[in-house]
Each structure stands twice: as C-alpha cells, then as structure tokens.
Protein backbone atom coordinates (compact mmCIF):
# COMPACT_ATOMS: atom_id res chain seq x y z
CA MET A 1 61.12 58.85 -27.07
CA ILE A 2 64.44 60.37 -28.15
CA LYS A 3 66.23 58.77 -31.09
CA ILE A 4 69.79 59.75 -32.01
CA GLU A 5 71.53 58.60 -35.19
CA HIS A 6 75.24 59.11 -35.93
CA LEU A 7 75.47 62.34 -33.97
CA LYS A 8 78.75 64.20 -34.38
CA LYS A 9 79.92 67.48 -32.87
CA GLU A 10 83.29 68.98 -33.65
CA TYR A 11 84.95 72.25 -32.70
CA PRO A 12 88.10 73.74 -34.29
CA ASN A 13 90.46 71.90 -31.93
CA VAL A 14 88.47 68.96 -30.58
CA THR A 15 85.69 66.52 -31.51
CA PRO A 16 83.90 65.50 -28.29
CA LEU A 17 81.22 63.49 -30.13
CA LYS A 18 82.37 61.36 -33.06
CA ASP A 19 79.46 58.99 -33.61
CA VAL A 20 76.56 58.58 -31.17
CA SER A 21 73.52 56.43 -31.96
CA VAL A 22 71.06 55.53 -29.19
CA GLU A 23 67.39 55.40 -28.27
CA ILE A 24 66.04 56.86 -25.02
CA HIS A 25 62.64 55.56 -24.04
CA ASP A 26 59.81 57.38 -22.30
CA GLY A 27 60.31 57.22 -18.53
CA ASP A 28 64.01 56.32 -18.72
CA VAL A 29 66.19 57.75 -15.97
CA ILE A 30 69.67 57.83 -17.48
CA SER A 31 72.88 58.84 -15.74
CA VAL A 32 75.64 59.98 -18.08
CA ILE A 33 79.08 59.42 -16.57
CA GLY A 34 82.69 59.47 -17.73
CA PRO A 35 85.92 61.46 -17.53
CA SER A 36 85.95 65.21 -18.08
CA GLY A 37 86.02 66.26 -21.72
CA THR A 38 84.29 63.18 -23.14
CA GLY A 39 81.24 65.00 -24.49
CA LYS A 40 78.68 64.40 -21.73
CA SER A 41 77.40 67.98 -21.55
CA THR A 42 77.78 68.38 -25.31
CA LEU A 43 75.44 65.43 -25.82
CA LEU A 44 72.73 67.09 -23.71
CA ARG A 45 73.20 70.43 -25.45
CA CYS A 46 72.89 68.76 -28.86
CA ILE A 47 69.70 66.98 -27.79
CA ASN A 48 68.00 70.28 -26.94
CA GLN A 49 69.75 72.04 -29.86
CA MET A 50 71.63 74.57 -27.75
CA GLU A 51 74.55 73.22 -29.77
CA LYS A 52 74.03 72.47 -33.46
CA PRO A 53 75.42 69.04 -34.32
CA THR A 54 78.08 68.90 -37.03
CA ALA A 55 76.37 65.80 -38.42
CA GLY A 56 73.68 63.31 -37.48
CA ARG A 57 69.99 63.47 -36.67
CA VAL A 58 67.89 63.70 -33.49
CA TRP A 59 64.18 62.89 -33.12
CA VAL A 60 61.97 63.73 -30.15
CA ASP A 61 58.59 62.00 -30.08
CA GLY A 62 58.89 61.27 -33.80
CA ARG A 63 59.76 64.85 -34.78
CA GLU A 64 63.21 65.44 -36.26
CA ILE A 65 64.52 68.41 -34.32
CA THR A 66 67.70 68.61 -36.43
CA ASP A 67 65.52 69.48 -39.42
CA LYS A 68 65.88 73.19 -40.18
CA LYS A 69 62.10 73.43 -40.56
CA CYS A 70 61.50 72.25 -36.98
CA ASP A 71 60.24 74.85 -34.50
CA ILE A 72 62.78 74.06 -31.78
CA ASN A 73 61.23 76.52 -29.33
CA LYS A 74 58.00 74.53 -29.47
CA VAL A 75 59.93 71.32 -28.74
CA ARG A 76 61.81 72.95 -25.85
CA GLN A 77 58.52 73.67 -24.09
CA LYS A 78 58.39 69.94 -23.37
CA MET A 79 62.14 69.56 -22.79
CA GLY A 80 63.54 71.34 -19.76
CA MET A 81 67.21 71.75 -18.91
CA VAL A 82 68.80 72.37 -15.51
CA PHE A 83 72.31 73.82 -15.55
CA GLN A 84 75.04 73.79 -12.93
CA SER A 85 74.99 77.62 -12.85
CA PHE A 86 71.29 77.96 -11.79
CA ASN A 87 70.39 80.64 -14.43
CA LEU A 88 68.09 82.67 -12.16
CA PHE A 89 67.30 86.35 -12.71
CA GLY A 90 68.76 88.29 -9.79
CA HIS A 91 66.28 91.19 -10.05
CA LEU A 92 63.24 88.89 -9.71
CA THR A 93 61.98 87.15 -6.60
CA VAL A 94 61.94 83.38 -6.41
CA ILE A 95 58.26 83.10 -7.32
CA GLU A 96 58.67 85.64 -10.16
CA ASN A 97 61.52 83.54 -11.59
CA ILE A 98 59.26 80.49 -11.61
CA MET A 99 56.26 82.34 -13.08
CA LEU A 100 58.19 83.98 -15.92
CA SER A 101 58.28 81.21 -18.56
CA PRO A 102 54.73 79.87 -18.03
CA VAL A 103 53.34 83.38 -18.46
CA ASP A 104 55.56 84.42 -21.41
CA LEU A 105 55.75 81.12 -23.29
CA LEU A 106 52.64 79.16 -22.32
CA GLY A 107 50.29 82.12 -22.03
CA LYS A 108 49.16 81.28 -18.50
CA SER A 109 47.56 83.95 -16.35
CA ARG A 110 49.71 85.35 -13.57
CA GLN A 111 47.37 83.85 -10.96
CA GLU A 112 47.54 80.41 -12.55
CA ALA A 113 51.34 80.64 -12.81
CA TYR A 114 51.57 81.85 -9.19
CA ASP A 115 49.43 78.99 -7.85
CA GLU A 116 51.43 76.39 -9.78
CA GLY A 117 54.70 78.06 -8.77
CA MET A 118 53.81 77.89 -5.07
CA ARG A 119 52.83 74.23 -5.45
CA LEU A 120 56.22 73.51 -7.00
CA LEU A 121 58.02 75.46 -4.29
CA ARG A 122 56.30 73.29 -1.70
CA THR A 123 57.39 70.24 -3.71
CA VAL A 124 61.06 71.27 -3.47
CA GLY A 125 60.68 72.38 0.15
CA LEU A 126 61.16 76.13 -0.38
CA ALA A 127 57.71 77.71 -0.21
CA GLU A 128 58.90 80.05 2.55
CA LYS A 129 61.50 81.53 0.14
CA ALA A 130 58.92 82.66 -2.46
CA LEU A 131 59.53 86.38 -1.89
CA ASN A 132 63.30 86.15 -1.46
CA TYR A 133 65.78 87.13 -4.16
CA PRO A 134 68.32 84.63 -5.52
CA ASP A 135 71.30 86.28 -3.82
CA GLU A 136 69.61 85.57 -0.47
CA LEU A 137 69.71 81.82 -1.08
CA SER A 138 72.35 79.12 -0.70
CA GLY A 139 73.66 77.27 -3.75
CA GLY A 140 71.54 74.23 -2.98
CA GLN A 141 68.42 76.37 -2.61
CA LYS A 142 69.12 78.14 -5.91
CA GLN A 143 69.41 74.82 -7.69
CA ARG A 144 66.13 73.60 -6.21
CA ILE A 145 64.49 76.84 -7.40
CA ALA A 146 65.97 76.26 -10.87
CA ILE A 147 64.45 72.76 -10.90
CA ALA A 148 61.07 74.18 -9.81
CA GLY A 149 61.31 76.72 -12.64
CA THR A 150 61.95 73.93 -15.13
CA LEU A 151 59.02 71.91 -13.79
CA ALA A 152 56.74 74.94 -14.18
CA MET A 153 56.79 74.30 -17.92
CA ASP A 154 55.55 70.73 -17.29
CA PRO A 155 58.21 69.12 -19.51
CA ASP A 156 58.14 65.45 -20.45
CA ILE A 157 61.95 65.39 -20.66
CA ILE A 158 64.39 67.02 -18.24
CA LEU A 159 68.13 67.26 -18.95
CA PHE A 160 70.40 67.86 -15.94
CA ASP A 161 73.88 69.16 -16.74
CA GLU A 162 75.97 68.37 -13.63
CA PRO A 163 73.33 69.87 -11.33
CA THR A 164 75.41 69.48 -8.15
CA SER A 165 78.94 70.21 -9.39
CA ALA A 166 78.87 73.89 -8.39
CA LEU A 167 77.57 73.15 -4.88
CA ASP A 168 79.26 72.88 -1.53
CA PRO A 169 79.30 69.17 -0.53
CA THR A 170 76.87 69.88 2.30
CA MET A 171 74.26 71.07 -0.23
CA VAL A 172 74.51 68.21 -2.72
CA GLY A 173 72.09 65.94 -0.83
CA GLU A 174 69.17 68.38 -0.90
CA VAL A 175 69.31 68.71 -4.69
CA GLN A 176 69.74 64.97 -5.17
CA ALA A 177 66.66 64.38 -3.00
CA VAL A 178 64.56 66.53 -5.35
CA ILE A 179 65.85 64.69 -8.43
CA ARG A 180 65.23 61.38 -6.68
CA GLU A 181 61.57 62.29 -6.23
CA LEU A 182 61.36 63.42 -9.87
CA SER A 183 62.65 60.03 -11.01
CA LYS A 184 59.47 58.47 -9.65
CA THR A 185 57.12 60.65 -11.71
CA GLY A 186 57.49 58.91 -15.09
CA LYS A 187 59.28 61.82 -16.70
CA THR A 188 62.31 61.07 -18.87
CA LEU A 189 65.48 62.24 -17.14
CA MET A 190 69.07 62.46 -18.38
CA ILE A 191 71.58 63.43 -15.72
CA VAL A 192 75.24 64.23 -16.32
CA THR A 193 76.88 63.56 -12.97
CA HIS A 194 80.16 62.73 -11.24
CA GLU A 195 78.31 61.34 -8.21
CA MET A 196 78.61 57.60 -8.78
CA SER A 197 76.54 56.42 -5.80
CA PHE A 198 73.74 58.79 -6.86
CA ALA A 199 73.90 57.58 -10.47
CA ARG A 200 73.70 53.99 -9.31
CA ALA A 201 70.74 54.59 -7.02
CA ILE A 202 68.57 56.70 -9.30
CA SER A 203 69.01 55.28 -12.82
CA ASN A 204 67.57 52.45 -14.83
CA ARG A 205 70.28 52.99 -17.48
CA VAL A 206 73.82 54.33 -17.34
CA PHE A 207 75.82 55.73 -20.27
CA TYR A 208 79.60 55.69 -19.84
CA MET A 209 81.09 58.15 -22.33
CA ASP A 210 84.60 57.93 -23.71
CA GLU A 211 86.46 57.92 -27.03
CA GLY A 212 83.93 60.21 -28.71
CA GLY A 213 80.71 58.43 -27.89
CA ILE A 214 78.75 56.13 -25.62
CA TYR A 215 81.60 53.71 -24.91
CA GLU A 216 79.42 51.37 -22.85
CA GLU A 217 75.84 51.37 -21.63
CA GLY A 218 73.80 49.12 -19.38
CA THR A 219 71.93 48.85 -16.13
CA PRO A 220 73.58 50.30 -13.02
CA GLU A 221 74.46 46.77 -11.92
CA GLN A 222 76.13 46.00 -15.25
CA ILE A 223 78.12 49.23 -15.39
CA PHE A 224 79.14 49.49 -11.74
CA ASP A 225 79.56 45.81 -10.83
CA HIS A 226 80.36 44.06 -14.11
CA PRO A 227 81.75 46.55 -16.66
CA ARG A 228 82.58 44.75 -19.89
CA ARG A 229 85.09 47.20 -21.36
CA GLU A 230 88.49 48.27 -20.10
CA ASN A 231 88.04 52.06 -19.90
CA THR A 232 84.76 51.63 -18.03
CA ARG A 233 86.37 49.31 -15.51
CA ARG A 234 89.25 51.71 -14.92
CA PHE A 235 86.88 54.65 -14.45
CA ILE A 236 84.44 52.88 -12.12
CA GLN A 237 87.19 51.46 -9.92
CA LYS A 238 89.07 54.79 -9.99
CA LEU A 239 92.11 53.01 -11.36
CA LYS A 240 95.35 54.91 -11.75
CA VAL A 241 97.28 53.17 -14.50
CA LEU A 242 100.98 52.96 -15.36
CA GLU A 243 102.11 51.12 -18.50
CA LEU A 244 105.75 50.13 -19.03
CA THR A 245 107.12 48.44 -22.17
CA ILE A 246 110.47 46.68 -22.51
CA GLU A 247 111.86 45.53 -25.86
CA SER A 248 115.54 45.01 -25.08
CA ARG A 249 117.81 43.49 -22.47
CA ASP A 250 119.48 46.89 -22.29
CA TYR A 251 116.34 48.77 -21.27
CA ASP A 252 116.62 51.83 -19.02
CA PHE A 253 116.01 50.24 -15.63
CA LEU A 254 116.73 53.44 -13.68
CA GLY A 255 114.45 55.44 -15.96
CA MET A 256 111.58 53.02 -15.39
CA ALA A 257 112.21 53.09 -11.66
CA GLY A 258 111.83 56.86 -11.90
CA GLU A 259 108.53 56.46 -13.79
CA ILE A 260 107.24 54.22 -11.00
CA ASP A 261 108.31 56.83 -8.42
CA ARG A 262 106.47 59.59 -10.27
CA TYR A 263 103.37 57.42 -10.72
CA CYS A 264 103.23 56.54 -7.01
CA GLY A 265 103.82 60.13 -5.94
CA LYS A 266 101.29 61.66 -8.32
CA ASN A 267 98.57 59.25 -7.22
CA GLN A 268 99.44 59.41 -3.51
CA ILE A 269 99.97 55.67 -3.28
CA PRO A 270 100.88 54.73 0.32
CA ALA A 271 104.61 54.30 0.95
CA LYS A 272 104.44 50.56 1.68
CA ALA A 273 102.43 49.81 -1.44
CA ALA A 274 104.84 51.95 -3.50
CA HIS A 275 107.80 50.01 -2.05
CA TYR A 276 106.19 46.68 -2.96
CA ILE A 277 105.39 47.87 -6.51
CA HIS A 278 109.06 48.71 -6.97
CA LEU A 279 110.13 45.39 -5.45
CA ALA A 280 107.73 43.30 -7.56
CA PHE A 281 108.83 45.02 -10.77
CA GLU A 282 112.52 44.61 -10.00
CA GLU A 283 112.32 40.94 -9.02
CA LEU A 284 109.90 39.74 -11.70
CA VAL A 285 111.10 41.78 -14.66
CA HIS A 286 114.74 42.52 -13.93
CA GLN A 287 115.79 39.41 -12.01
CA ILE A 288 113.54 36.66 -13.44
CA LEU A 289 112.31 37.54 -16.95
CA ILE A 290 115.21 39.50 -18.48
CA PRO A 291 117.77 36.70 -17.82
CA ALA A 292 115.33 34.03 -19.08
CA LEU A 293 114.17 35.66 -22.35
CA GLU A 294 116.57 35.72 -25.29
CA HIS A 295 114.79 38.61 -27.02
CA PRO A 296 112.55 40.09 -24.33
CA ARG A 297 109.28 41.81 -25.10
CA ILE A 298 107.56 42.66 -21.85
CA GLN A 299 104.55 44.81 -21.01
CA ALA A 300 103.94 45.67 -17.36
CA VAL A 301 100.72 47.43 -16.32
CA VAL A 302 100.21 48.67 -12.77
CA GLU A 303 96.67 49.54 -11.69
CA TYR A 304 96.07 51.22 -8.34
CA SER A 305 92.44 51.43 -7.24
CA GLU A 306 91.78 54.52 -5.18
CA ALA A 307 88.35 53.14 -4.27
CA LEU A 308 89.65 49.77 -3.06
CA GLU A 309 93.13 50.95 -1.97
CA SER A 310 94.62 47.99 -3.81
CA ALA A 311 97.25 47.53 -6.52
CA VAL A 312 97.58 44.90 -9.24
CA MET A 313 100.51 44.42 -11.59
CA THR A 314 99.85 42.52 -14.83
CA VAL A 315 102.95 41.46 -16.75
CA ARG A 316 102.70 40.00 -20.27
CA TYR A 317 105.78 38.61 -22.01
CA ASN A 318 106.91 36.68 -25.06
CA GLY A 319 108.63 33.33 -25.46
CA ARG A 320 107.62 29.80 -24.68
CA ALA A 321 105.34 28.99 -21.77
CA PHE A 322 107.23 30.17 -18.70
CA ASP A 323 105.35 29.95 -15.40
CA ILE A 324 107.12 32.39 -13.10
CA THR A 325 105.25 31.01 -10.08
CA ALA A 326 107.07 27.67 -10.47
CA LYS A 327 110.31 28.55 -12.26
CA GLY A 328 112.99 31.16 -12.13
CA ASP A 329 115.61 32.17 -9.63
CA GLU A 330 114.56 30.78 -6.24
CA LEU A 331 115.85 33.73 -4.23
CA SER A 332 114.07 36.19 -6.53
CA LEU A 333 110.85 34.20 -6.17
CA VAL A 334 111.14 34.36 -2.39
CA VAL A 335 111.61 38.13 -2.52
CA LEU A 336 108.81 38.47 -5.09
CA ARG A 337 106.40 36.54 -2.87
CA SER A 338 107.19 38.91 -0.01
CA ALA A 339 105.90 41.80 -2.15
CA VAL A 340 102.62 40.21 -3.25
CA SER A 341 99.58 38.70 -1.55
CA ASP A 342 98.79 36.50 -4.53
CA MET A 343 100.11 35.72 -7.99
CA ALA A 344 98.75 33.74 -10.90
CA TYR A 345 100.06 32.64 -14.28
CA SER A 346 98.28 31.86 -17.56
CA TRP A 347 99.26 31.07 -21.17
CA ASP A 348 97.38 31.92 -24.37
CA GLU A 349 99.11 30.96 -27.59
CA ASN A 350 96.78 33.24 -29.58
CA GLU A 351 98.09 36.37 -27.87
CA GLY A 352 101.04 38.36 -29.15
CA LEU A 353 102.52 38.16 -25.65
CA PRO A 354 101.25 34.71 -24.64
CA ASN A 355 102.57 34.59 -21.06
CA ARG A 356 100.66 36.51 -18.40
CA ALA A 357 101.42 36.92 -14.71
CA ILE A 358 99.02 38.77 -12.40
CA LEU A 359 100.43 40.01 -9.08
CA ARG A 360 98.31 41.43 -6.29
CA ILE A 361 100.61 43.84 -4.55
CA ARG A 362 100.73 44.03 -0.77
CA THR A 363 99.53 47.37 0.57
CA SER A 364 100.50 46.88 4.22
C-alpha cells in the first residue's frame, strides 16, 4: 500500500502539488488524468523519490520513503517506472537492455536474467526482436521493451508516466494492450494518461488532478459519467468555456460581441452554432434583461462541448423573480426561441444572482 500525507512540491516559479493526501491499495489500477501542468507526472516522481517533496510524507508498504534514513534504492527494486521517452541504452541489444538491472541490482546470473528476459519478451510479443538494437525498433516496440525491462525487476508497483504520449497514434494500441494485460496480474499500477477511453476501461480508480492536488477521485463511472465538481465536468466533456460579466446598463456590447467572436474562432465552433450563440446573447441579455433590470448584474457562461458538439449558455442575474421564458419582449422571445432548442428558468433566493436561465443553443 502507498500512503501519502500532505505532499507538497514547489519550484521557484510554480507549485504543482499544494496538498495531496491519499491511500493507494495493493492491486489498485489508477489512472491519473487532468489538464497539462497540474502535477500528474510530479506526483509519480515524488512517489518514487525522483523528485524530493518540499513537504509531506510518503509510505510504501509501511516504510516511510521520505525519511532520510530510508534506502530508496532498495524500495525502487519493487517500484518500477515507465517513462514516455523509453530510456533504453542504444549500444545494447533488446535482451541486454532487459538483463541489465536484474544482473546488476538483483544479482541474478546472466543465464537466469536471459531466460526471464526472453519470457517477458514473449509476453509483450517481441521475442523475435531480442537481438535487435533500439534504433531498429518503432516507438511502440521501444515502449513495450521498456515495460518488459521494468517487469524484469518483478516490481509490486509500476508507475507509468504518459507511456503513449510520444507515440504515433497507430502505435498507441499495442502499448495499451500490454498495460491492459498487466492490469489483470494484481500489481499496483498508476498511469498518467490523456487517453480517456483507455483510462475508463482499465482502471478501478481515477484521480482527476487540478488546483494543486487530487481535485476529485472516484470510480471510472463516477468520474466519467457523473463528475461531482465543476472543473472535472468541464475537462471530461471537453468543455470550452467563456464567461461574461455585466454590471452596468452601459456595458460594452460591441466588446463582448468581439469576445464571443474570438471564443468561437479559437475553439472552431461551427458557424451556425456561433451565429446562434451571438443571437441568444443579444436577445436575452441586451433586449430582454438590460431593459428590465434597474441595476443589472448579469453573468453569462457559454460552454461548448467538443465531445458532444453542443453548446449551453447559462445566464444568472439579479432582481426579483423574472422568468424570461414567460415574460419579456414578445418579439425578442420569438427570436430567442429560434436560436435555442430548449430553455429553462429557475429561482434560488439563497444565491447572489437568484435568477437562472439555461439555454441549449442550436447547432444546426
């Protein structure tokens, strides 16, 4: 088991890990997902002490590896790590790369290391490449060799740092197939990955990392189908978000129209959907709400899902209960309805902006 308490890692200009506390159980297969720069790889490197944490403590099988007295090299013999850059020695053959650590670190005989190495090569489907050199292999083959080399140490824990990110898309599947088989062996796996379908299929737990730590964790079903927190939902659904705030009748309408243009262009939102986003904003905010609110405070959030090719505009505003689906300028409502496939209104007096309208924007 791995136990982490209040782990922190800071660099001169950034703190990727602010406070991480979690337990990883024997046999867990954990996918670590999240935006770039949120500390996913740093977490793995702190667990195997390739990076020294700024603060916090880490235990592996009851031994505190952050203790200066700990023999970390002894611990690493049971904790393998697979990098995105393969880390093979170019002057050694494939089988020599695999034999190297068992002979040097575990004291195995060359014959014993060779026999085990060939068995592992058969496991990853590359026995015929035993006498080849790394530069004679494809990227996918190199990564499978790197995994075989890690397995040669018979680790209980294997950390995968984006093992397919450096590969051509056609080679990703062969490496994923090897990891898939490993997930059935009872070893503890932690996999940093951007491949969401792979993470969903292989894991029993998923860590979504953001804001300096494990922002949300759960089963694949919980994280991918029913995320509880906003950043997780936006990431999983590949949401592109635009937030607009209005606090005066004399707000810069043309400036906000320009922001919508830039948002739609940057995220390659189809022309029809972009047109309807503009139209919905103009009719709801400019034509209906601004005339009706004496001191307007309005927040409009547009979310475009790349995965679903759909757009939703949520508009929150102040004042008394004002159901825009039933009130307001009739002509503007007609135009607004032409831009949306559905709209709903709700009121919550406990909110700072108690009125909420949700518009599902037409995309065709």
